Amino acid sequence: MLSHSQKVVRLYRKAIKSIRDYSEDYDMFLANAGDLRAALKAGKNETNPFHIQQMVKQLENFNSYWEHPDPYIPCDGINGTKWQRNTAPASYVVDPTNHLLEGFRKD
């Protein structure tokens, strides 16, 4: 079971990733991320459990609504654009005893 602060941090990170996926450039991302952070900081000192639950529910709704269908994947990450680009060659290619042109040699 997650504590309240762990849940909020995970929701915040997911919201930041969603904002990054929809941002056209870094300045736009920073502006939107700053707005999200300001909204979370505004409710930081809330003590009413009902209001806290409402704010968490709003953040969950934000994440479910803005989840990107094709999220950004870092180029070096799994399934990124550079993932397994320079893998080791297959063993049959490296094996010096396995020559495809064996029959075409002129001795």
N, C-alpha and C. Protein backbone atom coordinates (compact mmCIF):
# COMPACT_ATOMS: atom_id res chain seq x y z
N MET A 1 0.84 -1.19 0.00
CA MET A 1 0.00 0.00 0.00
C MET A 1 0.88 1.24 0.00
N LEU A 2 0.59 2.15 -0.88
CA LEU A 2 1.37 3.38 -0.99
C LEU A 2 0.91 4.41 0.04
N SER A 3 1.86 5.16 0.54
CA SER A 3 1.48 6.28 1.40
C SER A 3 0.93 7.40 0.52
N HIS A 4 0.31 8.37 1.15
CA HIS A 4 -0.29 9.47 0.40
C HIS A 4 0.77 10.23 -0.39
N SER A 5 1.89 10.52 0.25
CA SER A 5 2.93 11.30 -0.45
C SER A 5 3.51 10.51 -1.63
N GLN A 6 3.68 9.19 -1.50
CA GLN A 6 4.16 8.39 -2.62
C GLN A 6 3.17 8.43 -3.78
N LYS A 7 1.90 8.36 -3.46
CA LYS A 7 0.87 8.39 -4.50
C LYS A 7 0.89 9.72 -5.24
N VAL A 8 1.00 10.81 -4.49
CA VAL A 8 1.01 12.14 -5.11
C VAL A 8 2.26 12.32 -5.97
N VAL A 9 3.41 11.85 -5.50
CA VAL A 9 4.64 11.99 -6.27
C VAL A 9 4.53 11.19 -7.57
N ARG A 10 3.99 9.98 -7.51
CA ARG A 10 3.85 9.18 -8.73
C ARG A 10 2.86 9.81 -9.71
N LEU A 11 1.78 10.36 -9.20
CA LEU A 11 0.83 11.05 -10.07
C LEU A 11 1.46 12.29 -10.69
N TYR A 12 2.25 13.01 -9.90
CA TYR A 12 2.93 14.21 -10.41
C TYR A 12 3.91 13.85 -11.52
N ARG A 13 4.70 12.81 -11.30
CA ARG A 13 5.67 12.38 -12.32
C ARG A 13 4.97 11.94 -13.60
N LYS A 14 3.86 11.23 -13.45
CA LYS A 14 3.10 10.80 -14.63
C LYS A 14 2.52 12.01 -15.36
N ALA A 15 2.05 13.01 -14.61
CA ALA A 15 1.51 14.22 -15.23
C ALA A 15 2.61 14.98 -15.96
N ILE A 16 3.81 15.05 -15.38
CA ILE A 16 4.94 15.73 -16.03
C ILE A 16 5.29 15.02 -17.34
N LYS A 17 5.27 13.69 -17.33
CA LYS A 17 5.57 12.95 -18.56
C LYS A 17 4.50 13.18 -19.62
N SER A 18 3.24 13.28 -19.20
CA SER A 18 2.17 13.56 -20.15
C SER A 18 2.33 14.95 -20.75
N ILE A 19 2.70 15.92 -19.92
CA ILE A 19 2.93 17.27 -20.41
C ILE A 19 4.09 17.28 -21.41
N ARG A 20 5.14 16.53 -21.11
CA ARG A 20 6.29 16.45 -22.02
C ARG A 20 5.89 15.86 -23.37
N ASP A 21 5.02 14.85 -23.34
CA ASP A 21 4.60 14.20 -24.58
C ASP A 21 3.82 15.15 -25.49
N TYR A 22 3.06 16.06 -24.90
CA TYR A 22 2.23 16.96 -25.70
C TYR A 22 2.92 18.30 -26.01
N SER A 23 4.04 18.58 -25.38
CA SER A 23 4.70 19.87 -25.58
C SER A 23 5.46 19.89 -26.91
N GLU A 24 5.32 20.99 -27.62
CA GLU A 24 5.98 21.13 -28.91
C GLU A 24 7.44 21.54 -28.76
N ASP A 25 7.76 22.30 -27.74
CA ASP A 25 9.14 22.68 -27.50
C ASP A 25 9.37 22.76 -25.99
N TYR A 26 10.63 22.94 -25.63
CA TYR A 26 11.00 22.89 -24.22
C TYR A 26 10.44 24.06 -23.42
N ASP A 27 10.34 25.24 -24.04
CA ASP A 27 9.79 26.40 -23.33
C ASP A 27 8.32 26.18 -22.98
N MET A 28 7.59 25.58 -23.90
CA MET A 28 6.18 25.27 -23.64
C MET A 28 6.06 24.25 -22.51
N PHE A 29 6.95 23.26 -22.52
CA PHE A 29 6.96 22.26 -21.46
C PHE A 29 7.23 22.90 -20.11
N LEU A 30 8.23 23.78 -20.05
CA LEU A 30 8.57 24.42 -18.78
C LEU A 30 7.42 25.26 -18.25
N ALA A 31 6.73 25.96 -19.13
CA ALA A 31 5.60 26.79 -18.70
C ALA A 31 4.47 25.92 -18.14
N ASN A 32 4.13 24.85 -18.84
CA ASN A 32 3.05 23.98 -18.38
C ASN A 32 3.44 23.22 -17.12
N ALA A 33 4.69 22.79 -17.04
CA ALA A 33 5.15 22.08 -15.84
C ALA A 33 5.16 23.03 -14.63
N GLY A 34 5.52 24.27 -14.87
CA GLY A 34 5.48 25.27 -13.78
C GLY A 34 4.06 25.51 -13.29
N ASP A 35 3.11 25.54 -14.20
CA ASP A 35 1.71 25.71 -13.81
C ASP A 35 1.23 24.53 -12.96
N LEU A 36 1.60 23.33 -13.37
CA LEU A 36 1.22 22.13 -12.61
C LEU A 36 1.85 22.15 -11.23
N ARG A 37 3.11 22.51 -11.16
CA ARG A 37 3.81 22.56 -9.87
C ARG A 37 3.19 23.61 -8.95
N ALA A 38 2.83 24.76 -9.51
CA ALA A 38 2.20 25.81 -8.70
C ALA A 38 0.85 25.34 -8.17
N ALA A 39 0.10 24.61 -9.01
CA ALA A 39 -1.20 24.10 -8.55
C ALA A 39 -1.03 23.09 -7.42
N LEU A 40 0.00 22.25 -7.50
CA LEU A 40 0.23 21.28 -6.43
C LEU A 40 0.74 21.95 -5.16
N LYS A 41 1.59 22.96 -5.32
CA LYS A 41 2.10 23.67 -4.14
C LYS A 41 1.00 24.45 -3.43
N ALA A 42 0.00 24.89 -4.20
CA ALA A 42 -1.10 25.65 -3.59
C ALA A 42 -1.89 24.77 -2.62
N GLY A 43 -1.98 23.48 -2.91
CA GLY A 43 -2.72 22.58 -2.03
C GLY A 43 -1.85 21.81 -1.07
N LYS A 44 -0.59 22.20 -0.95
CA LYS A 44 0.37 21.47 -0.13
C LYS A 44 0.00 21.48 1.36
N ASN A 45 -0.51 22.58 1.85
CA ASN A 45 -0.80 22.71 3.27
C ASN A 45 -2.26 22.46 3.62
N GLU A 46 -2.98 21.83 2.71
CA GLU A 46 -4.40 21.53 2.96
C GLU A 46 -4.51 20.47 4.06
N THR A 47 -5.45 20.67 4.97
CA THR A 47 -5.62 19.73 6.08
C THR A 47 -6.96 19.00 6.02
N ASN A 48 -7.90 19.51 5.25
CA ASN A 48 -9.21 18.87 5.15
C ASN A 48 -9.09 17.61 4.28
N PRO A 49 -9.37 16.43 4.82
CA PRO A 49 -9.21 15.20 4.05
C PRO A 49 -10.10 15.14 2.81
N PHE A 50 -11.28 15.74 2.87
CA PHE A 50 -12.17 15.74 1.71
C PHE A 50 -11.56 16.53 0.56
N HIS A 51 -11.01 17.70 0.86
CA HIS A 51 -10.38 18.53 -0.17
C HIS A 51 -9.13 17.85 -0.73
N ILE A 52 -8.38 17.18 0.14
CA ILE A 52 -7.18 16.47 -0.31
C ILE A 52 -7.57 15.37 -1.29
N GLN A 53 -8.61 14.61 -0.96
CA GLN A 53 -9.07 13.55 -1.86
C GLN A 53 -9.56 14.12 -3.18
N GLN A 54 -10.22 15.26 -3.13
CA GLN A 54 -10.68 15.92 -4.37
C GLN A 54 -9.50 16.31 -5.25
N MET A 55 -8.45 16.87 -4.64
CA MET A 55 -7.28 17.28 -5.42
C MET A 55 -6.57 16.07 -6.03
N VAL A 56 -6.46 14.98 -5.27
CA VAL A 56 -5.84 13.77 -5.81
C VAL A 56 -6.68 13.21 -6.94
N LYS A 57 -7.99 13.23 -6.79
CA LYS A 57 -8.88 12.74 -7.85
C LYS A 57 -8.75 13.62 -9.10
N GLN A 58 -8.62 14.93 -8.93
CA GLN A 58 -8.42 15.82 -10.08
C GLN A 58 -7.12 15.50 -10.81
N LEU A 59 -6.07 15.20 -10.05
CA LEU A 59 -4.79 14.85 -10.67
C LEU A 59 -4.89 13.51 -11.40
N GLU A 60 -5.61 12.56 -10.83
CA GLU A 60 -5.83 11.28 -11.51
C GLU A 60 -6.63 11.48 -12.80
N ASN A 61 -7.65 12.32 -12.75
CA ASN A 61 -8.45 12.61 -13.95
C ASN A 61 -7.61 13.31 -15.01
N PHE A 62 -6.74 14.22 -14.58
CA PHE A 62 -5.83 14.90 -15.51
C PHE A 62 -4.95 13.88 -16.23
N ASN A 63 -4.39 12.95 -15.45
CA ASN A 63 -3.51 11.94 -16.04
C ASN A 63 -4.25 11.03 -17.00
N SER A 64 -5.45 10.62 -16.64
CA SER A 64 -6.18 9.71 -17.52
C SER A 64 -6.66 10.43 -18.78
N TYR A 65 -6.99 11.71 -18.69
CA TYR A 65 -7.45 12.45 -19.86
C TYR A 65 -6.29 12.78 -20.81
N TRP A 66 -5.14 13.17 -20.26
CA TRP A 66 -4.03 13.64 -21.08
C TRP A 66 -3.01 12.56 -21.39
N GLU A 67 -3.30 11.31 -21.11
CA GLU A 67 -2.34 10.25 -21.44
C GLU A 67 -2.15 10.18 -22.95
N HIS A 68 -0.92 10.28 -23.38
CA HIS A 68 -0.62 10.36 -24.80
C HIS A 68 -0.69 8.97 -25.45
N PRO A 69 -1.31 8.85 -26.63
CA PRO A 69 -1.39 7.54 -27.28
C PRO A 69 -0.04 7.06 -27.83
N ASP A 70 0.86 8.00 -28.11
CA ASP A 70 2.18 7.65 -28.62
C ASP A 70 3.21 8.43 -27.81
N PRO A 71 3.53 7.96 -26.58
CA PRO A 71 4.39 8.76 -25.70
C PRO A 71 5.82 8.84 -26.20
N TYR A 72 6.51 9.86 -25.73
CA TYR A 72 7.91 10.06 -26.06
C TYR A 72 8.74 8.96 -25.42
N ILE A 73 9.63 8.35 -26.19
CA ILE A 73 10.53 7.33 -25.67
C ILE A 73 11.95 7.84 -25.90
N PRO A 74 12.78 7.91 -24.86
CA PRO A 74 14.16 8.35 -25.06
C PRO A 74 14.86 7.48 -26.10
N CYS A 75 15.72 8.09 -26.91
CA CYS A 75 16.31 7.37 -28.03
C CYS A 75 17.14 6.17 -27.59
N ASP A 76 17.77 6.23 -26.43
CA ASP A 76 18.59 5.11 -25.97
C ASP A 76 17.79 4.13 -25.11
N GLY A 77 16.53 4.44 -24.82
CA GLY A 77 15.71 3.57 -24.01
C GLY A 77 15.18 2.38 -24.80
N ILE A 78 14.56 1.47 -24.10
CA ILE A 78 14.00 0.29 -24.75
C ILE A 78 12.96 0.74 -25.77
N ASN A 79 13.09 0.25 -26.99
CA ASN A 79 12.23 0.59 -28.13
C ASN A 79 12.40 2.03 -28.61
N GLY A 80 13.46 2.70 -28.20
CA GLY A 80 13.77 4.03 -28.72
C GLY A 80 14.36 3.92 -30.12
N THR A 81 14.64 5.06 -30.73
CA THR A 81 15.11 5.05 -32.12
C THR A 81 16.50 4.46 -32.27
N LYS A 82 17.30 4.47 -31.21
CA LYS A 82 18.64 3.91 -31.27
C LYS A 82 18.74 2.55 -30.57
N TRP A 83 17.64 2.01 -30.14
CA TRP A 83 17.66 0.75 -29.39
C TRP A 83 18.14 -0.38 -30.31
N GLN A 84 19.16 -1.06 -29.91
CA GLN A 84 19.76 -2.19 -30.61
C GLN A 84 20.19 -1.83 -32.02
N ARG A 85 20.66 -0.63 -32.21
CA ARG A 85 21.10 -0.23 -33.54
C ARG A 85 22.43 -0.90 -33.89
N ASN A 86 23.35 -0.99 -32.95
CA ASN A 86 24.66 -1.56 -33.21
C ASN A 86 24.84 -2.84 -32.40
N THR A 87 23.99 -3.79 -32.63
CA THR A 87 24.11 -5.05 -31.91
C THR A 87 25.24 -5.88 -32.51
N ALA A 88 25.69 -6.86 -31.76
CA ALA A 88 26.75 -7.73 -32.25
C ALA A 88 26.23 -8.55 -33.43
N PRO A 89 27.07 -8.83 -34.41
CA PRO A 89 26.61 -9.62 -35.54
C PRO A 89 26.32 -11.06 -35.13
N ALA A 90 25.51 -11.71 -35.92
CA ALA A 90 25.16 -13.10 -35.64
C ALA A 90 26.39 -13.99 -35.73
N SER A 91 26.36 -15.12 -35.05
CA SER A 91 27.53 -15.99 -35.00
C SER A 91 27.89 -16.55 -36.36
N TYR A 92 26.92 -16.81 -37.23
CA TYR A 92 27.24 -17.36 -38.54
C TYR A 92 27.96 -16.35 -39.43
N VAL A 93 27.81 -15.06 -39.12
CA VAL A 93 28.51 -14.04 -39.88
C VAL A 93 29.95 -13.92 -39.43
N VAL A 94 30.19 -14.08 -38.14
CA VAL A 94 31.52 -13.91 -37.57
C VAL A 94 32.37 -15.17 -37.71
N ASP A 95 31.74 -16.33 -37.76
CA ASP A 95 32.45 -17.60 -37.80
C ASP A 95 33.30 -17.70 -39.08
N PRO A 96 34.63 -17.75 -38.96
CA PRO A 96 35.48 -17.78 -40.16
C PRO A 96 35.41 -19.11 -40.90
N THR A 97 34.92 -20.17 -40.27
CA THR A 97 34.84 -21.47 -40.95
C THR A 97 33.58 -21.59 -41.79
N ASN A 98 32.65 -20.67 -41.63
CA ASN A 98 31.40 -20.74 -42.36
C ASN A 98 31.45 -19.75 -43.53
N HIS A 99 31.92 -20.19 -44.67
CA HIS A 99 32.02 -19.32 -45.83
C HIS A 99 30.92 -19.65 -46.82
N LEU A 100 30.22 -18.65 -47.24
CA LEU A 100 29.17 -18.86 -48.23
C LEU A 100 29.76 -19.10 -49.61
N LEU A 101 30.92 -18.54 -49.85
CA LEU A 101 31.53 -18.66 -51.18
C LEU A 101 32.55 -19.80 -51.22
N GLU A 102 32.39 -20.78 -50.37
CA GLU A 102 33.32 -21.90 -50.27
C GLU A 102 33.46 -22.63 -51.60
N GLY A 103 32.35 -22.84 -52.30
CA GLY A 103 32.40 -23.59 -53.56
C GLY A 103 32.90 -22.79 -54.74
N PHE A 104 33.02 -21.49 -54.58
CA PHE A 104 33.43 -20.64 -55.70
C PHE A 104 34.91 -20.29 -55.68
N ARG A 105 35.64 -20.84 -54.72
CA ARG A 105 37.06 -20.55 -54.64
C ARG A 105 37.82 -21.19 -55.78
N LYS A 106 38.79 -20.48 -56.27
CA LYS A 106 39.65 -21.02 -57.32
C LYS A 106 40.97 -21.43 -56.65
N ASP A 107 41.21 -22.70 -56.64
CA ASP A 107 42.45 -23.18 -56.01
C ASP A 107 43.51 -23.46 -57.02
